[in-house]
């Protein structure tokens, strides 16, 4: 059973930076793709950033230029560096991993950006 554990969320002020990490129970390179999603109260879960096994990345338009997704092979984590945070970035951030046609989700980590 694949387990994904997010960490690094918290409360920050507008303009601050935060890094959230996703630790996987299996090698992160065993997944077809991994990504970060977020869900704000009353809104649908949305893709924030994704990275394929080959290393290709994609971002939501709202975070392009501010967020960076990366992989740490030593720590076996997928990280999301978030800069210039805005109140509208406030959400629960979830890690997702894809293997074949199976998706795995973490439990989420709260990111709150105060104005």
N, C-alpha and C. Protein backbone atom coordinates (compact mmCIF):
# COMPACT_ATOMS: atom_id res chain seq x y z
N UNK A 1 0.84 -1.18 0.00
CA UNK A 1 0.00 0.00 0.00
C UNK A 1 0.88 1.24 0.00
N UNK A 2 0.61 2.13 -0.94
CA UNK A 2 1.37 3.37 -1.04
C UNK A 2 0.89 4.36 -0.01
N UNK A 3 1.82 4.98 0.66
CA UNK A 3 1.48 6.05 1.61
C UNK A 3 2.21 7.33 1.22
N UNK A 4 1.47 8.41 1.24
CA UNK A 4 2.03 9.73 0.97
C UNK A 4 1.79 10.59 2.20
N UNK A 5 2.84 11.23 2.67
CA UNK A 5 2.73 12.06 3.87
C UNK A 5 3.24 13.45 3.56
N UNK A 6 2.34 14.42 3.67
CA UNK A 6 2.72 15.81 3.43
C UNK A 6 3.19 16.47 4.72
N UNK A 7 4.04 17.45 4.57
CA UNK A 7 4.51 18.22 5.73
C UNK A 7 4.94 19.59 5.25
N UNK A 8 5.06 20.51 6.20
CA UNK A 8 5.60 21.82 5.89
C UNK A 8 4.58 22.93 5.80
N UNK A 9 3.31 22.62 5.95
CA UNK A 9 2.32 23.68 5.89
C UNK A 9 2.40 24.58 7.11
N UNK A 10 1.64 25.65 7.09
CA UNK A 10 1.63 26.56 8.22
C UNK A 10 0.93 27.85 7.92
N UNK A 11 1.10 28.79 8.85
CA UNK A 11 0.49 30.12 8.72
C UNK A 11 1.60 31.12 8.41
N UNK A 12 1.45 31.83 7.31
CA UNK A 12 2.43 32.83 6.92
C UNK A 12 1.72 34.10 6.49
N UNK A 13 2.49 35.17 6.35
CA UNK A 13 1.93 36.43 5.90
C UNK A 13 2.05 36.57 4.38
N UNK A 14 1.28 37.45 3.82
CA UNK A 14 1.34 37.73 2.39
C UNK A 14 2.77 38.08 1.99
N UNK A 15 3.21 37.48 0.89
CA UNK A 15 4.56 37.73 0.39
C UNK A 15 5.61 36.77 0.90
N UNK A 16 5.25 35.97 1.88
CA UNK A 16 6.22 35.03 2.45
C UNK A 16 6.40 33.81 1.56
N UNK A 17 7.35 32.97 1.96
CA UNK A 17 7.62 31.73 1.25
C UNK A 17 7.38 30.54 2.18
N UNK A 18 7.09 29.42 1.56
CA UNK A 18 6.85 28.19 2.32
C UNK A 18 7.20 27.02 1.41
N UNK A 19 7.72 25.98 2.01
CA UNK A 19 8.03 24.77 1.26
C UNK A 19 7.27 23.61 1.87
N UNK A 20 6.50 22.93 1.05
CA UNK A 20 5.80 21.74 1.52
C UNK A 20 6.41 20.51 0.84
N UNK A 21 6.46 19.43 1.58
CA UNK A 21 7.09 18.20 1.08
C UNK A 21 6.13 17.04 1.14
N UNK A 22 6.34 16.10 0.24
CA UNK A 22 5.54 14.88 0.19
C UNK A 22 6.51 13.71 0.21
N UNK A 23 6.42 12.93 1.27
CA UNK A 23 7.26 11.74 1.40
C UNK A 23 6.45 10.52 1.00
N UNK A 24 7.04 9.69 0.14
CA UNK A 24 6.33 8.50 -0.36
C UNK A 24 6.92 7.24 0.26
N UNK A 25 6.06 6.23 0.41
CA UNK A 25 6.52 4.97 0.98
C UNK A 25 7.32 4.15 -0.03
N UNK A 26 7.09 4.41 -1.32
CA UNK A 26 7.89 3.78 -2.35
C UNK A 26 8.72 4.83 -3.06
N UNK A 27 9.62 4.39 -3.92
CA UNK A 27 10.45 5.36 -4.63
C UNK A 27 9.58 6.32 -5.43
N UNK A 28 9.89 7.60 -5.32
CA UNK A 28 9.10 8.57 -6.07
C UNK A 28 9.27 8.37 -7.58
N UNK A 29 10.34 7.69 -7.98
CA UNK A 29 10.58 7.46 -9.40
C UNK A 29 9.82 6.24 -9.91
N UNK A 30 9.10 5.57 -9.03
CA UNK A 30 8.29 4.43 -9.44
C UNK A 30 6.90 4.87 -9.91
N UNK A 31 6.60 6.15 -9.72
CA UNK A 31 5.30 6.67 -10.12
C UNK A 31 5.37 7.31 -11.50
N UNK A 32 4.29 7.19 -12.24
CA UNK A 32 4.21 7.80 -13.56
C UNK A 32 4.28 9.32 -13.44
N UNK A 33 3.66 9.82 -12.42
CA UNK A 33 3.65 11.26 -12.17
C UNK A 33 3.28 11.51 -10.72
N UNK A 34 3.67 12.66 -10.25
CA UNK A 34 3.28 13.12 -8.92
C UNK A 34 2.89 14.58 -9.02
N UNK A 35 2.10 15.01 -8.07
CA UNK A 35 1.68 16.40 -8.16
C UNK A 35 1.15 16.92 -6.85
N UNK A 36 0.97 18.22 -6.85
CA UNK A 36 0.38 18.91 -5.71
C UNK A 36 -0.95 19.50 -6.15
N UNK A 37 -1.95 19.27 -5.34
CA UNK A 37 -3.28 19.83 -5.54
C UNK A 37 -3.63 20.64 -4.31
N UNK A 38 -4.63 21.48 -4.44
CA UNK A 38 -5.10 22.21 -3.27
C UNK A 38 -6.62 22.35 -3.31
N UNK A 39 -7.16 22.48 -2.13
CA UNK A 39 -8.60 22.66 -2.02
C UNK A 39 -8.89 23.70 -0.95
N UNK A 40 -9.51 24.77 -1.39
CA UNK A 40 -9.92 25.84 -0.48
C UNK A 40 -11.35 25.57 -0.04
N UNK A 41 -11.76 26.11 1.09
CA UNK A 41 -13.13 25.90 1.58
C UNK A 41 -14.16 26.28 0.53
N UNK A 42 -15.08 25.38 0.27
CA UNK A 42 -16.16 25.67 -0.67
C UNK A 42 -15.77 25.58 -2.13
N UNK A 43 -14.54 25.17 -2.40
CA UNK A 43 -14.07 25.09 -3.78
C UNK A 43 -13.65 23.66 -4.11
N UNK A 44 -13.57 23.40 -5.41
CA UNK A 44 -13.12 22.08 -5.85
C UNK A 44 -11.61 21.97 -5.72
N UNK A 45 -11.16 20.73 -5.59
CA UNK A 45 -9.72 20.49 -5.56
C UNK A 45 -9.16 20.79 -6.95
N UNK A 46 -8.01 21.48 -6.97
CA UNK A 46 -7.42 21.87 -8.25
C UNK A 46 -5.94 21.53 -8.28
N UNK A 47 -5.46 21.30 -9.49
CA UNK A 47 -4.05 21.03 -9.69
C UNK A 47 -3.25 22.30 -9.48
N UNK A 48 -2.18 22.20 -8.72
CA UNK A 48 -1.26 23.31 -8.52
C UNK A 48 -0.02 23.11 -9.38
N UNK A 49 0.58 21.95 -9.26
CA UNK A 49 1.80 21.66 -10.03
C UNK A 49 1.98 20.16 -10.14
N UNK A 50 2.54 19.73 -11.26
CA UNK A 50 2.78 18.31 -11.45
C UNK A 50 4.15 18.05 -12.03
N UNK A 51 4.65 16.85 -11.81
CA UNK A 51 5.94 16.46 -12.37
C UNK A 51 5.86 15.01 -12.80
N UNK A 52 6.29 14.74 -14.02
CA UNK A 52 6.24 13.38 -14.53
C UNK A 52 7.50 12.61 -14.12
N UNK A 53 7.47 11.32 -14.38
CA UNK A 53 8.63 10.50 -14.08
C UNK A 53 9.86 10.98 -14.84
N UNK A 54 9.63 11.53 -16.02
CA UNK A 54 10.73 12.04 -16.85
C UNK A 54 11.21 13.41 -16.40
N UNK A 55 10.48 14.02 -15.49
CA UNK A 55 10.90 15.31 -14.97
C UNK A 55 10.20 16.52 -15.58
N UNK A 56 9.26 16.29 -16.47
CA UNK A 56 8.50 17.39 -17.04
C UNK A 56 7.56 17.96 -15.99
N UNK A 57 7.43 19.27 -16.00
CA UNK A 57 6.58 19.92 -15.00
C UNK A 57 5.48 20.73 -15.66
N UNK A 58 4.41 20.94 -14.91
CA UNK A 58 3.34 21.83 -15.36
C UNK A 58 2.76 22.52 -14.14
N UNK A 59 2.22 23.70 -14.36
CA UNK A 59 1.72 24.53 -13.28
C UNK A 59 0.38 25.15 -13.63
N UNK A 60 -0.40 25.39 -12.60
CA UNK A 60 -1.61 26.18 -12.78
C UNK A 60 -1.19 27.61 -13.11
N UNK A 61 -1.97 28.27 -13.95
CA UNK A 61 -1.62 29.64 -14.34
C UNK A 61 -1.48 30.55 -13.12
N UNK A 62 -2.28 30.30 -12.11
CA UNK A 62 -2.30 31.18 -10.94
C UNK A 62 -1.01 31.11 -10.11
N UNK A 63 -0.20 30.08 -10.33
CA UNK A 63 1.02 29.95 -9.53
C UNK A 63 2.30 30.00 -10.36
N UNK A 64 2.16 30.11 -11.67
CA UNK A 64 3.35 30.16 -12.54
C UNK A 64 4.23 31.34 -12.15
N UNK A 65 5.52 31.05 -12.05
CA UNK A 65 6.47 32.09 -11.68
C UNK A 65 6.62 32.27 -10.18
N UNK A 66 5.73 31.68 -9.40
CA UNK A 66 5.82 31.79 -7.94
C UNK A 66 6.12 30.46 -7.27
N UNK A 67 5.58 29.38 -7.81
CA UNK A 67 5.75 28.05 -7.23
C UNK A 67 6.68 27.21 -8.09
N UNK A 68 7.42 26.32 -7.43
CA UNK A 68 8.30 25.40 -8.14
C UNK A 68 8.17 24.01 -7.54
N UNK A 69 7.90 23.04 -8.40
CA UNK A 69 7.84 21.65 -7.95
C UNK A 69 9.17 20.98 -8.27
N UNK A 70 9.62 20.15 -7.35
CA UNK A 70 10.90 19.48 -7.57
C UNK A 70 10.92 18.15 -6.84
N UNK A 71 11.92 17.35 -7.17
CA UNK A 71 12.09 16.04 -6.52
C UNK A 71 13.43 15.99 -5.82
N UNK A 72 13.45 15.38 -4.66
CA UNK A 72 14.69 15.16 -3.91
C UNK A 72 14.91 13.66 -3.85
N UNK A 73 15.86 13.18 -4.65
CA UNK A 73 16.09 11.74 -4.74
C UNK A 73 16.67 11.17 -3.45
N UNK A 74 17.41 11.97 -2.72
CA UNK A 74 18.02 11.49 -1.49
C UNK A 74 16.96 11.30 -0.40
N UNK A 75 16.11 12.31 -0.26
CA UNK A 75 15.06 12.25 0.77
C UNK A 75 13.81 11.52 0.28
N UNK A 76 13.78 11.22 -1.03
CA UNK A 76 12.61 10.57 -1.62
C UNK A 76 11.35 11.39 -1.40
N UNK A 77 11.44 12.67 -1.70
CA UNK A 77 10.30 13.56 -1.52
C UNK A 77 10.04 14.36 -2.80
N UNK A 78 8.81 14.80 -2.93
CA UNK A 78 8.44 15.76 -3.95
C UNK A 78 8.07 17.03 -3.22
N UNK A 79 8.69 18.12 -3.61
CA UNK A 79 8.57 19.36 -2.86
C UNK A 79 7.89 20.43 -3.69
N UNK A 80 7.24 21.33 -2.99
CA UNK A 80 6.63 22.49 -3.64
C UNK A 80 7.13 23.73 -2.92
N UNK A 81 7.97 24.47 -3.60
CA UNK A 81 8.46 25.73 -3.06
C UNK A 81 7.49 26.82 -3.48
N UNK A 82 6.94 27.50 -2.50
CA UNK A 82 5.93 28.52 -2.76
C UNK A 82 6.47 29.87 -2.33
N UNK A 83 6.61 30.77 -3.28
CA UNK A 83 7.09 32.12 -3.01
C UNK A 83 6.00 33.14 -3.28
N UNK A 84 6.18 34.32 -2.73
CA UNK A 84 5.23 35.42 -2.94
C UNK A 84 3.80 34.96 -2.69
N UNK A 85 3.60 34.34 -1.56
CA UNK A 85 2.29 33.78 -1.25
C UNK A 85 1.24 34.87 -1.10
N UNK A 86 0.03 34.53 -1.52
CA UNK A 86 -1.11 35.44 -1.48
C UNK A 86 -2.22 34.81 -0.63
N UNK A 87 -3.10 35.62 -0.12
CA UNK A 87 -4.22 35.05 0.66
C UNK A 87 -5.02 34.00 -0.14
N UNK A 88 -5.12 34.20 -1.44
CA UNK A 88 -5.87 33.24 -2.26
C UNK A 88 -5.16 31.90 -2.43
N UNK A 89 -3.94 31.79 -1.94
CA UNK A 89 -3.25 30.50 -1.93
C UNK A 89 -3.65 29.66 -0.71
N UNK A 90 -4.41 30.24 0.17
CA UNK A 90 -4.85 29.52 1.36
C UNK A 90 -5.70 28.31 0.97
N UNK A 91 -5.29 27.15 1.46
CA UNK A 91 -5.98 25.90 1.11
C UNK A 91 -5.32 24.74 1.83
N UNK A 92 -5.95 23.60 1.73
CA UNK A 92 -5.28 22.36 2.13
C UNK A 92 -4.56 21.84 0.89
N UNK A 93 -3.28 21.58 1.03
CA UNK A 93 -2.48 21.12 -0.09
C UNK A 93 -2.29 19.60 0.02
N UNK A 94 -2.60 18.93 -1.08
CA UNK A 94 -2.54 17.47 -1.13
C UNK A 94 -1.50 17.00 -2.13
N UNK A 95 -0.84 15.94 -1.79
CA UNK A 95 0.09 15.27 -2.69
C UNK A 95 -0.63 14.11 -3.37
N UNK A 96 -0.38 13.94 -4.65
CA UNK A 96 -1.00 12.86 -5.41
C UNK A 96 0.09 12.12 -6.18
N UNK A 97 -0.06 10.81 -6.26
CA UNK A 97 0.87 9.99 -7.03
C UNK A 97 0.07 9.08 -7.95
N UNK A 98 0.58 8.89 -9.14
CA UNK A 98 -0.09 8.05 -10.13
C UNK A 98 0.80 6.86 -10.49
N UNK A 99 0.19 5.68 -10.46
CA UNK A 99 0.89 4.47 -10.88
C UNK A 99 -0.08 3.68 -11.72
N UNK A 100 0.17 3.64 -13.02
CA UNK A 100 -0.78 3.01 -13.91
C UNK A 100 -2.07 3.81 -13.90
N UNK A 101 -3.18 3.13 -13.61
CA UNK A 101 -4.47 3.79 -13.54
C UNK A 101 -4.90 4.02 -12.09
N UNK A 102 -3.99 3.87 -11.18
CA UNK A 102 -4.29 4.03 -9.76
C UNK A 102 -3.70 5.33 -9.23
N UNK A 103 -4.54 6.04 -8.49
CA UNK A 103 -4.12 7.30 -7.89
C UNK A 103 -4.04 7.13 -6.38
N UNK A 104 -3.05 7.78 -5.78
CA UNK A 104 -2.88 7.77 -4.33
C UNK A 104 -2.84 9.21 -3.85
N UNK A 105 -3.43 9.43 -2.68
CA UNK A 105 -3.48 10.78 -2.11
C UNK A 105 -2.92 10.77 -0.70
N UNK A 106 -2.31 11.88 -0.35
CA UNK A 106 -1.90 12.10 1.03
C UNK A 106 -3.05 12.68 1.83
N UNK A 107 -2.79 12.93 3.10
CA UNK A 107 -3.85 13.42 3.98
C UNK A 107 -3.99 14.94 3.92
N UNK A 108 -3.03 15.60 3.34
CA UNK A 108 -3.10 17.05 3.17
C UNK A 108 -2.39 17.82 4.27
N UNK A 109 -1.96 19.01 3.92
CA UNK A 109 -1.35 19.92 4.89
C UNK A 109 -1.92 21.32 4.67
N UNK A 110 -2.26 21.97 5.74
CA UNK A 110 -2.92 23.28 5.65
C UNK A 110 -1.90 24.39 5.42
N UNK A 111 -2.19 25.22 4.44
CA UNK A 111 -1.41 26.43 4.20
C UNK A 111 -2.36 27.61 4.33
N UNK A 112 -2.03 28.52 5.21
CA UNK A 112 -2.86 29.69 5.43
C UNK A 112 -2.00 30.94 5.25
N UNK A 113 -2.46 31.83 4.38
CA UNK A 113 -1.73 33.06 4.10
C UNK A 113 -2.59 34.22 4.59
N UNK A 114 -2.07 34.95 5.56
CA UNK A 114 -2.82 36.06 6.12
C UNK A 114 -2.50 37.34 5.37
N UNK A 115 -3.49 38.22 5.29
CA UNK A 115 -3.30 39.50 4.58
C UNK A 115 -2.81 40.59 5.50
